[in-house]
Amino acid sequence: AFALSGVLAPGKDEPLGAAAVAFARELCLQHDVEIQIETIDKNGT
């Protein structure tokens, strides 16, 4: 489970929530990506 550090997206039921998901899918779904881990939160993300 991975989340972008310092960045908050609207929830799926909030305004532009669906648009944010669609944008992220278009940008990186099925693409090779490089991640740099800074930390892990209390939920294991």
All heavy atoms as atom14 arrays in JSON, in Angstrom:
{
  "sequence": "AFALSGVLAPGKDEPLGAAAVAFARELCLQHDVEIQIETIDKNGT",
  "atom14_mask": [
    [1, 1, 1, 1, 1, 0, 0, 0, 0, 0, 0, 0, 0, 0],
    [1, 1, 1, 1, 1, 1, 1, 1, 1, 1, 1, 0, 0, 0],
    [1, 1, 1, 1, 1, 0, 0, 0, 0, 0, 0, 0, 0, 0],
    [1, 1, 1, 1, 1, 1, 1, 1, 0, 0, 0, 0, 0, 0],
    [1, 1, 1, 1, 1, 1, 0, 0, 0, 0, 0, 0, 0, 0],
    [1, 1, 1, 1, 0, 0, 0, 0, 0, 0, 0, 0, 0, 0],
    [1, 1, 1, 1, 1, 1, 1, 0, 0, 0, 0, 0, 0, 0],
    [1, 1, 1, 1, 1, 1, 1, 1, 0, 0, 0, 0, 0, 0],
    [1, 1, 1, 1, 1, 0, 0, 0, 0, 0, 0, 0, 0, 0],
    [1, 1, 1, 1, 1, 1, 1, 0, 0, 0, 0, 0, 0, 0],
    [1, 1, 1, 1, 0, 0, 0, 0, 0, 0, 0, 0, 0, 0],
    [1, 1, 1, 1, 1, 1, 1, 1, 1, 0, 0, 0, 0, 0],
    [1, 1, 1, 1, 1, 1, 1, 1, 0, 0, 0, 0, 0, 0],
    [1, 1, 1, 1, 1, 1, 1, 1, 1, 0, 0, 0, 0, 0],
    [1, 1, 1, 1, 1, 1, 1, 0, 0, 0, 0, 0, 0, 0],
    [1, 1, 1, 1, 1, 1, 1, 1, 0, 0, 0, 0, 0, 0],
    [1, 1, 1, 1, 0, 0, 0, 0, 0, 0, 0, 0, 0, 0],
    [1, 1, 1, 1, 1, 0, 0, 0, 0, 0, 0, 0, 0, 0],
    [1, 1, 1, 1, 1, 0, 0, 0, 0, 0, 0, 0, 0, 0],
    [1, 1, 1, 1, 1, 0, 0, 0, 0, 0, 0, 0, 0, 0],
    [1, 1, 1, 1, 1, 1, 1, 0, 0, 0, 0, 0, 0, 0],
    [1, 1, 1, 1, 1, 0, 0, 0, 0, 0, 0, 0, 0, 0],
    [1, 1, 1, 1, 1, 1, 1, 1, 1, 1, 1, 0, 0, 0],
    [1, 1, 1, 1, 1, 0, 0, 0, 0, 0, 0, 0, 0, 0],
    [1, 1, 1, 1, 1, 1, 1, 1, 1, 1, 1, 0, 0, 0],
    [1, 1, 1, 1, 1, 1, 1, 1, 1, 0, 0, 0, 0, 0],
    [1, 1, 1, 1, 1, 1, 1, 1, 0, 0, 0, 0, 0, 0],
    [1, 1, 1, 1, 1, 1, 0, 0, 0, 0, 0, 0, 0, 0],
    [1, 1, 1, 1, 1, 1, 1, 1, 0, 0, 0, 0, 0, 0],
    [1, 1, 1, 1, 1, 1, 1, 1, 1, 0, 0, 0, 0, 0],
    [1, 1, 1, 1, 1, 1, 1, 1, 1, 1, 0, 0, 0, 0],
    [1, 1, 1, 1, 1, 1, 1, 1, 0, 0, 0, 0, 0, 0],
    [1, 1, 1, 1, 1, 1, 1, 0, 0, 0, 0, 0, 0, 0],
    [1, 1, 1, 1, 1, 1, 1, 1, 1, 0, 0, 0, 0, 0],
    [1, 1, 1, 1, 1, 1, 1, 1, 0, 0, 0, 0, 0, 0],
    [1, 1, 1, 1, 1, 1, 1, 1, 1, 0, 0, 0, 0, 0],
    [1, 1, 1, 1, 1, 1, 1, 1, 0, 0, 0, 0, 0, 0],
    [1, 1, 1, 1, 1, 1, 1, 1, 1, 0, 0, 0, 0, 0],
    [1, 1, 1, 1, 1, 1, 1, 0, 0, 0, 0, 0, 0, 0],
    [1, 1, 1, 1, 1, 1, 1, 1, 0, 0, 0, 0, 0, 0],
    [1, 1, 1, 1, 1, 1, 1, 1, 0, 0, 0, 0, 0, 0],
    [1, 1, 1, 1, 1, 1, 1, 1, 1, 0, 0, 0, 0, 0],
    [1, 1, 1, 1, 1, 1, 1, 1, 0, 0, 0, 0, 0, 0],
    [1, 1, 1, 1, 0, 0, 0, 0, 0, 0, 0, 0, 0, 0],
    [1, 1, 1, 1, 1, 1, 1, 0, 0, 0, 0, 0, 0, 0]
  ],
  "atom14_positions": [
    [[0.87, -1.18, 0.0], [0.0, 0.0, 0.0], [0.9, 1.23, 0.0], [1.79, 1.36, 0.84], [-0.89, -0.01, 1.23], [0.0, 0.0, 0.0], [0.0, 0.0, 0.0], [0.0, 0.0, 0.0], [0.0, 0.0, 0.0], [0.0, 0.0, 0.0], [0.0, 0.0, 0.0], [0.0, 0.0, 0.0], [0.0, 0.0, 0.0], [0.0, 0.0, 0.0]],
    [[0.69, 2.13, -0.97], [1.57, 3.27, -1.14], [0.75, 4.54, -1.26], [-0.31, 4.56, -1.91], [2.44, 3.09, -2.4], [3.32, 4.27, -2.71], [4.55, 4.42, -2.08], [2.93, 5.23, -3.62], [5.37, 5.5, -2.36], [3.73, 6.32, -3.91], [4.95, 6.45, -3.28], [0.0, 0.0, 0.0], [0.0, 0.0, 0.0], [0.0, 0.0, 0.0]],
    [[1.21, 5.62, -0.63], [0.57, 6.93, -0.74], [1.63, 7.99, -0.97], [2.76, 7.87, -0.49], [-0.23, 7.25, 0.52], [0.0, 0.0, 0.0], [0.0, 0.0, 0.0], [0.0, 0.0, 0.0], [0.0, 0.0, 0.0], [0.0, 0.0, 0.0], [0.0, 0.0, 0.0], [0.0, 0.0, 0.0], [0.0, 0.0, 0.0], [0.0, 0.0, 0.0]],
    [[1.26, 9.03, -1.71], [2.18, 10.13, -1.98], [2.37, 10.95, -0.72], [1.4, 11.41, -0.09], [1.63, 11.01, -3.1], [1.51, 10.32, -4.46], [0.75, 11.2, -5.44], [2.89, 9.96, -5.02], [0.0, 0.0, 0.0], [0.0, 0.0, 0.0], [0.0, 0.0, 0.0], [0.0, 0.0, 0.0], [0.0, 0.0, 0.0], [0.0, 0.0, 0.0]],
    [[3.6, 11.15, -0.33], [3.91, 11.89, 0.9], [3.53, 13.36, 0.77], [3.91, 14.03, -0.19], [5.41, 11.77, 1.2], [5.75, 12.45, 2.37], [0.0, 0.0, 0.0], [0.0, 0.0, 0.0], [0.0, 0.0, 0.0], [0.0, 0.0, 0.0], [0.0, 0.0, 0.0], [0.0, 0.0, 0.0], [0.0, 0.0, 0.0], [0.0, 0.0, 0.0]],
    [[2.77, 13.85, 1.75], [2.42, 15.27, 1.81], [1.28, 15.69, 0.92], [0.92, 16.86, 0.9], [0.0, 0.0, 0.0], [0.0, 0.0, 0.0], [0.0, 0.0, 0.0], [0.0, 0.0, 0.0], [0.0, 0.0, 0.0], [0.0, 0.0, 0.0], [0.0, 0.0, 0.0], [0.0, 0.0, 0.0], [0.0, 0.0, 0.0], [0.0, 0.0, 0.0]],
    [[0.7, 14.75, 0.15], [-0.35, 15.1, -0.81], [-1.68, 14.49, -0.39], [-1.76, 13.31, -0.08], [0.02, 14.6, -2.23], [-1.08, 14.91, -3.22], [1.33, 15.26, -2.68], [0.0, 0.0, 0.0], [0.0, 0.0, 0.0], [0.0, 0.0, 0.0], [0.0, 0.0, 0.0], [0.0, 0.0, 0.0], [0.0, 0.0, 0.0], [0.0, 0.0, 0.0]],
    [[-2.73, 15.31, -0.36], [-4.06, 14.85, 0.0], [-5.0, 14.99, -1.19], [-5.12, 16.07, -1.78], [-4.62, 15.67, 1.17], [-3.96, 15.46, 2.55], [-4.58, 16.42, 3.56], [-4.14, 14.04, 3.01], [0.0, 0.0, 0.0], [0.0, 0.0, 0.0], [0.0, 0.0, 0.0], [0.0, 0.0, 0.0], [0.0, 0.0, 0.0], [0.0, 0.0, 0.0]],
    [[-5.67, 13.91, -1.55], [-6.65, 13.92, -2.64], [-8.07, 13.92, -2.06], [-8.28, 13.42, -0.96], [-6.46, 12.7, -3.54], [0.0, 0.0, 0.0], [0.0, 0.0, 0.0], [0.0, 0.0, 0.0], [0.0, 0.0, 0.0], [0.0, 0.0, 0.0], [0.0, 0.0, 0.0], [0.0, 0.0, 0.0], [0.0, 0.0, 0.0], [0.0, 0.0, 0.0]],
    [[-9.05, 14.48, -2.77], [-10.42, 14.42, -2.29], [-10.92, 12.99, -2.27], [-10.49, 12.15, -3.06], [-11.19, 15.28, -3.31], [-10.34, 15.27, -4.53], [-8.92, 15.19, -4.04], [0.0, 0.0, 0.0], [0.0, 0.0, 0.0], [0.0, 0.0, 0.0], [0.0, 0.0, 0.0], [0.0, 0.0, 0.0], [0.0, 0.0, 0.0], [0.0, 0.0, 0.0]],
    [[-11.85, 12.68, -1.35], [-12.44, 11.36, -1.28], [-13.29, 11.06, -2.49], [-13.68, 11.97, -3.24], [0.0, 0.0, 0.0], [0.0, 0.0, 0.0], [0.0, 0.0, 0.0], [0.0, 0.0, 0.0], [0.0, 0.0, 0.0], [0.0, 0.0, 0.0], [0.0, 0.0, 0.0], [0.0, 0.0, 0.0], [0.0, 0.0, 0.0], [0.0, 0.0, 0.0]],
    [[-13.6, 9.78, -2.69], [-14.33, 9.38, -3.9], [-15.7, 10.01, -3.99], [-16.25, 10.19, -5.09], [-14.42, 7.86, -3.98], [-15.22, 7.23, -2.84], [-15.28, 5.72, -3.0], [-16.11, 5.09, -1.88], [-16.19, 3.61, -2.02], [0.0, 0.0, 0.0], [0.0, 0.0, 0.0], [0.0, 0.0, 0.0], [0.0, 0.0, 0.0], [0.0, 0.0, 0.0]],
    [[-16.3, 10.36, -2.84], [-17.63, 10.97, -2.84], [-17.57, 12.49, -2.73], [-18.6, 13.16, -2.66], [-18.46, 10.42, -1.67], [-18.71, 8.92, -1.81], [-18.89, 8.46, -2.96], [-18.73, 8.22, -0.78], [0.0, 0.0, 0.0], [0.0, 0.0, 0.0], [0.0, 0.0, 0.0], [0.0, 0.0, 0.0], [0.0, 0.0, 0.0], [0.0, 0.0, 0.0]],
    [[-16.36, 13.05, -2.73], [-16.2, 14.49, -2.64], [-16.02, 15.07, -4.05], [-15.71, 14.35, -5.0], [-14.97, 14.83, -1.78], [-15.11, 14.38, -0.34], [-13.85, 14.66, 0.47], [-12.85, 15.12, -0.12], [-13.88, 14.43, 1.69], [0.0, 0.0, 0.0], [0.0, 0.0, 0.0], [0.0, 0.0, 0.0], [0.0, 0.0, 0.0], [0.0, 0.0, 0.0]],
    [[-16.25, 16.4, -4.2], [-16.05, 17.03, -5.51], [-14.65, 16.77, -6.06], [-13.67, 16.88, -5.32], [-16.25, 18.53, -5.2], [-17.16, 18.54, -4.01], [-16.77, 17.35, -3.19], [0.0, 0.0, 0.0], [0.0, 0.0, 0.0], [0.0, 0.0, 0.0], [0.0, 0.0, 0.0], [0.0, 0.0, 0.0], [0.0, 0.0, 0.0], [0.0, 0.0, 0.0]],
    [[-14.59, 16.38, -7.33], [-13.35, 16.1, -8.07], [-12.65, 14.83, -7.6], [-11.55, 14.53, -8.06], [-12.39, 17.29, -7.99], [-12.88, 18.6, -8.62], [-11.84, 19.69, -8.47], [-13.23, 18.4, -10.08], [0.0, 0.0, 0.0], [0.0, 0.0, 0.0], [0.0, 0.0, 0.0], [0.0, 0.0, 0.0], [0.0, 0.0, 0.0], [0.0, 0.0, 0.0]],
    [[-13.28, 14.05, -6.71], [-12.67, 12.8, -6.28], [-12.5, 11.84, -7.44], [-11.43, 11.25, -7.62], [0.0, 0.0, 0.0], [0.0, 0.0, 0.0], [0.0, 0.0, 0.0], [0.0, 0.0, 0.0], [0.0, 0.0, 0.0], [0.0, 0.0, 0.0], [0.0, 0.0, 0.0], [0.0, 0.0, 0.0], [0.0, 0.0, 0.0], [0.0, 0.0, 0.0]],
    [[-13.55, 11.68, -8.24], [-13.48, 10.78, -9.4], [-12.47, 11.29, -10.43], [-11.76, 10.5, -11.06], [-14.87, 10.64, -10.02], [0.0, 0.0, 0.0], [0.0, 0.0, 0.0], [0.0, 0.0, 0.0], [0.0, 0.0, 0.0], [0.0, 0.0, 0.0], [0.0, 0.0, 0.0], [0.0, 0.0, 0.0], [0.0, 0.0, 0.0], [0.0, 0.0, 0.0]],
    [[-12.41, 12.61, -10.59], [-11.47, 13.19, -11.56], [-10.03, 12.94, -11.14], [-9.16, 12.67, -11.97], [-11.73, 14.69, -11.7], [0.0, 0.0, 0.0], [0.0, 0.0, 0.0], [0.0, 0.0, 0.0], [0.0, 0.0, 0.0], [0.0, 0.0, 0.0], [0.0, 0.0, 0.0], [0.0, 0.0, 0.0], [0.0, 0.0, 0.0], [0.0, 0.0, 0.0]],
    [[-9.77, 13.0, -9.83], [-8.41, 12.76, -9.34], [-8.0, 11.31, -9.6], [-6.88, 11.03, -10.01], [-8.34, 13.08, -7.84], [0.0, 0.0, 0.0], [0.0, 0.0, 0.0], [0.0, 0.0, 0.0], [0.0, 0.0, 0.0], [0.0, 0.0, 0.0], [0.0, 0.0, 0.0], [0.0, 0.0, 0.0], [0.0, 0.0, 0.0], [0.0, 0.0, 0.0]],
    [[-8.95, 10.38, -9.37], [-8.66, 8.96, -9.62], [-8.38, 8.73, -11.11], [-7.43, 8.05, -11.49], [-9.83, 8.08, -9.14], [-9.61, 6.64, -9.59], [-9.96, 8.15, -7.63], [0.0, 0.0, 0.0], [0.0, 0.0, 0.0], [0.0, 0.0, 0.0], [0.0, 0.0, 0.0], [0.0, 0.0, 0.0], [0.0, 0.0, 0.0], [0.0, 0.0, 0.0]],
    [[-9.23, 9.33, -11.97], [-9.07, 9.15, -13.41], [-7.73, 9.72, -13.88], [-7.04, 9.12, -14.72], [-10.23, 9.83, -14.15], [0.0, 0.0, 0.0], [0.0, 0.0, 0.0], [0.0, 0.0, 0.0], [0.0, 0.0, 0.0], [0.0, 0.0, 0.0], [0.0, 0.0, 0.0], [0.0, 0.0, 0.0], [0.0, 0.0, 0.0], [0.0, 0.0, 0.0]],
    [[-7.34, 10.87, -13.34], [-6.07, 11.49, -13.7], [-4.9, 10.59, -13.32], [-3.97, 10.37, -14.1], [-5.94, 12.86, -13.01], [-4.7, 13.63, -13.38], [-4.72, 14.55, -14.42], [-3.52, 13.45, -12.69], [-3.58, 15.27, -14.76], [-2.37, 14.14, -13.01], [-2.41, 15.06, -14.05], [0.0, 0.0, 0.0], [0.0, 0.0, 0.0], [0.0, 0.0, 0.0]],
    [[-4.95, 10.05, -12.1], [-3.86, 9.18, -11.64], [-3.78, 7.89, -12.45], [-2.69, 7.41, -12.77], [-4.06, 8.86, -10.16], [0.0, 0.0, 0.0], [0.0, 0.0, 0.0], [0.0, 0.0, 0.0], [0.0, 0.0, 0.0], [0.0, 0.0, 0.0], [0.0, 0.0, 0.0], [0.0, 0.0, 0.0], [0.0, 0.0, 0.0], [0.0, 0.0, 0.0]],
    [[-4.95, 7.33, -12.79], [-4.98, 6.11, -13.61], [-4.33, 6.36, -14.98], [-3.52, 5.59, -15.46], [-6.42, 5.64, -13.8], [-7.02, 4.94, -12.6], [-8.47, 4.54, -12.91], [-9.09, 3.83, -11.81], [-9.0, 2.53, -11.59], [-8.31, 1.78, -12.44], [-9.6, 1.96, -10.57], [0.0, 0.0, 0.0], [0.0, 0.0, 0.0], [0.0, 0.0, 0.0]],
    [[-4.73, 7.45, -15.61], [-4.21, 7.78, -16.93], [-2.7, 8.0, -16.89], [-1.98, 7.63, -17.82], [-4.9, 9.05, -17.44], [-4.41, 9.55, -18.8], [-4.77, 8.58, -19.94], [-5.74, 7.81, -19.78], [-4.09, 8.63, -20.97], [0.0, 0.0, 0.0], [0.0, 0.0, 0.0], [0.0, 0.0, 0.0], [0.0, 0.0, 0.0], [0.0, 0.0, 0.0]],
    [[-2.23, 8.57, -15.79], [-0.81, 8.92, -15.69], [0.08, 7.7, -15.44], [1.16, 7.58, -16.04], [-0.61, 9.95, -14.58], [0.8, 10.49, -14.36], [1.3, 11.21, -15.63], [0.83, 11.44, -13.17], [0.0, 0.0, 0.0], [0.0, 0.0, 0.0], [0.0, 0.0, 0.0], [0.0, 0.0, 0.0], [0.0, 0.0, 0.0], [0.0, 0.0, 0.0]],
    [[-0.37, 6.78, -14.57], [0.59, 5.75, -14.17], [0.09, 4.3, -14.17], [0.9, 3.4, -13.96], [1.16, 6.08, -12.79], [-0.02, 6.5, -11.53], [0.0, 0.0, 0.0], [0.0, 0.0, 0.0], [0.0, 0.0, 0.0], [0.0, 0.0, 0.0], [0.0, 0.0, 0.0], [0.0, 0.0, 0.0], [0.0, 0.0, 0.0], [0.0, 0.0, 0.0]],
    [[-1.18, 4.06, -14.43], [-1.64, 2.66, -14.42], [-0.97, 1.87, -15.55], [-0.91, 2.32, -16.7], [-3.16, 2.62, -14.58], [-3.8, 1.23, -14.36], [-3.59, 0.75, -12.93], [-5.3, 1.28, -14.67], [0.0, 0.0, 0.0], [0.0, 0.0, 0.0], [0.0, 0.0, 0.0], [0.0, 0.0, 0.0], [0.0, 0.0, 0.0], [0.0, 0.0, 0.0]],
    [[-0.44, 0.69, -15.21], [0.26, -0.19, -16.14], [1.56, 0.41, -16.69], [2.07, -0.03, -17.73], [-0.66, -0.6, -17.3], [-1.9, -1.36, -16.88], [-1.56, -2.67, -16.17], [-0.57, -3.32, -16.49], [-2.37, -3.05, -15.19], [0.0, 0.0, 0.0], [0.0, 0.0, 0.0], [0.0, 0.0, 0.0], [0.0, 0.0, 0.0], [0.0, 0.0, 0.0]],
    [[2.09, 1.4, -16.01], [3.39, 1.97, -16.37], [4.42, 1.58, -15.32], [4.08, 1.41, -14.14], [3.31, 3.51, -16.44], [2.57, 4.03, -17.63], [3.18, 4.21, -18.86], [1.28, 4.38, -17.8], [2.28, 4.67, -19.72], [1.12, 4.79, -19.1], [0.0, 0.0, 0.0], [0.0, 0.0, 0.0], [0.0, 0.0, 0.0], [0.0, 0.0, 0.0]],
    [[5.66, 1.44, -15.75], [6.74, 1.27, -14.78], [6.96, 2.59, -14.06], [7.05, 3.65, -14.7], [8.03, 0.85, -15.48], [7.97, -0.59, -16.0], [7.14, -1.36, -15.48], [8.75, -0.92, -16.91], [0.0, 0.0, 0.0], [0.0, 0.0, 0.0], [0.0, 0.0, 0.0], [0.0, 0.0, 0.0], [0.0, 0.0, 0.0], [0.0, 0.0, 0.0]],
    [[7.04, 2.52, -12.75], [7.28, 3.72, -11.96], [8.45, 3.48, -11.01], [8.82, 2.35, -10.75], [6.03, 4.13, -11.14], [4.84, 4.4, -12.06], [5.67, 3.05, -10.12], [0.0, 0.0, 0.0], [0.0, 0.0, 0.0], [0.0, 0.0, 0.0], [0.0, 0.0, 0.0], [0.0, 0.0, 0.0], [0.0, 0.0, 0.0], [0.0, 0.0, 0.0]],
    [[9.0, 4.56, -10.52], [10.06, 4.48, -9.51], [9.56, 5.18, -8.26], [9.11, 6.33, -8.33], [11.33, 5.15, -10.02], [12.48, 5.1, -9.03], [13.74, 5.76, -9.57], [14.22, 5.31, -10.63], [14.21, 6.72, -8.94], [0.0, 0.0, 0.0], [0.0, 0.0, 0.0], [0.0, 0.0, 0.0], [0.0, 0.0, 0.0], [0.0, 0.0, 0.0]],
    [[9.61, 4.48, -7.14], [9.18, 5.09, -5.88], [10.35, 5.21, -4.92], [11.27, 4.4, -4.95], [8.02, 4.31, -5.21], [8.46, 2.88, -4.85], [6.78, 4.29, -6.1], [7.41, 2.12, -4.05], [0.0, 0.0, 0.0], [0.0, 0.0, 0.0], [0.0, 0.0, 0.0], [0.0, 0.0, 0.0], [0.0, 0.0, 0.0], [0.0, 0.0, 0.0]],
    [[10.3, 6.25, -4.11], [11.29, 6.44, -3.04], [10.52, 6.5, -1.74], [9.71, 7.4, -1.53], [12.1, 7.72, -3.26], [13.16, 7.92, -2.17], [14.07, 9.09, -2.48], [14.32, 9.4, -3.65], [14.59, 9.73, -1.45], [0.0, 0.0, 0.0], [0.0, 0.0, 0.0], [0.0, 0.0, 0.0], [0.0, 0.0, 0.0], [0.0, 0.0, 0.0]],
    [[10.77, 5.53, -0.86], [10.05, 5.44, 0.4], [10.68, 6.36, 1.44], [11.89, 6.32, 1.67], [10.04, 3.99, 0.93], [9.44, 3.04, -0.11], [9.28, 3.9, 2.25], [8.0, 3.31, -0.46], [0.0, 0.0, 0.0], [0.0, 0.0, 0.0], [0.0, 0.0, 0.0], [0.0, 0.0, 0.0], [0.0, 0.0, 0.0], [0.0, 0.0, 0.0]],
    [[9.85, 7.19, 2.06], [10.33, 8.05, 3.14], [10.04, 7.45, 4.51], [10.85, 7.5, 5.42], [9.68, 9.43, 3.05], [10.06, 10.21, 1.8], [9.33, 11.54, 1.71], [8.57, 11.86, 2.65], [9.52, 12.25, 0.71], [0.0, 0.0, 0.0], [0.0, 0.0, 0.0], [0.0, 0.0, 0.0], [0.0, 0.0, 0.0], [0.0, 0.0, 0.0]],
    [[8.84, 6.87, 4.65], [8.45, 6.32, 5.94], [7.24, 5.41, 5.75], [6.79, 5.18, 4.63], [8.11, 7.45, 6.94], [7.86, 6.9, 8.23], [6.89, 8.23, 6.49], [0.0, 0.0, 0.0], [0.0, 0.0, 0.0], [0.0, 0.0, 0.0], [0.0, 0.0, 0.0], [0.0, 0.0, 0.0], [0.0, 0.0, 0.0], [0.0, 0.0, 0.0]],
    [[6.75, 4.86, 6.84], [5.53, 4.04, 6.84], [4.62, 4.59, 7.92], [5.07, 4.86, 9.04], [5.85, 2.56, 7.15], [6.98, 2.05, 6.26], [4.62, 1.69, 6.98], [7.49, 0.67, 6.64], [0.0, 0.0, 0.0], [0.0, 0.0, 0.0], [0.0, 0.0, 0.0], [0.0, 0.0, 0.0], [0.0, 0.0, 0.0], [0.0, 0.0, 0.0]],
    [[3.33, 4.8, 7.6], [2.43, 5.35, 8.61], [1.94, 4.25, 9.55], [2.27, 3.07, 9.41], [1.28, 6.13, 7.97], [0.27, 5.24, 7.24], [0.3, 4.0, 7.43], [-0.56, 5.77, 6.49], [0.0, 0.0, 0.0], [0.0, 0.0, 0.0], [0.0, 0.0, 0.0], [0.0, 0.0, 0.0], [0.0, 0.0, 0.0], [0.0, 0.0, 0.0]],
    [[1.12, 4.65, 10.53], [0.7, 3.7, 11.57], [-0.22, 2.61, 11.03], [-0.45, 1.61, 11.7], [0.0, 4.46, 12.7], [-1.22, 5.25, 12.29], [-1.76, 6.05, 13.45], [-2.96, 6.89, 13.02], [-3.47, 7.72, 14.16], [0.0, 0.0, 0.0], [0.0, 0.0, 0.0], [0.0, 0.0, 0.0], [0.0, 0.0, 0.0], [0.0, 0.0, 0.0]],
    [[-0.76, 2.8, 9.82], [-1.61, 1.78, 9.21], [-0.84, 0.84, 8.28], [-1.43, -0.02, 7.64], [-2.75, 2.45, 8.43], [-3.66, 3.26, 9.33], [-4.04, 2.82, 10.4], [-4.0, 4.47, 8.89], [0.0, 0.0, 0.0], [0.0, 0.0, 0.0], [0.0, 0.0, 0.0], [0.0, 0.0, 0.0], [0.0, 0.0, 0.0], [0.0, 0.0, 0.0]],
    [[0.48, 1.04, 8.18], [1.3, 0.17, 7.34], [1.38, 0.62, 5.9], [1.86, -0.13, 5.04], [0.0, 0.0, 0.0], [0.0, 0.0, 0.0], [0.0, 0.0, 0.0], [0.0, 0.0, 0.0], [0.0, 0.0, 0.0], [0.0, 0.0, 0.0], [0.0, 0.0, 0.0], [0.0, 0.0, 0.0], [0.0, 0.0, 0.0], [0.0, 0.0, 0.0]],
    [[0.92, 1.84, 5.61], [1.02, 2.38, 4.25], [2.39, 3.03, 4.05], [2.82, 3.84, 4.87], [-0.08, 3.42, 4.0], [-1.36, 2.8, 4.16], [0.02, 4.0, 2.6], [0.0, 0.0, 0.0], [0.0, 0.0, 0.0], [0.0, 0.0, 0.0], [0.0, 0.0, 0.0], [0.0, 0.0, 0.0], [0.0, 0.0, 0.0], [0.0, 0.0, 0.0]]
  ]
}
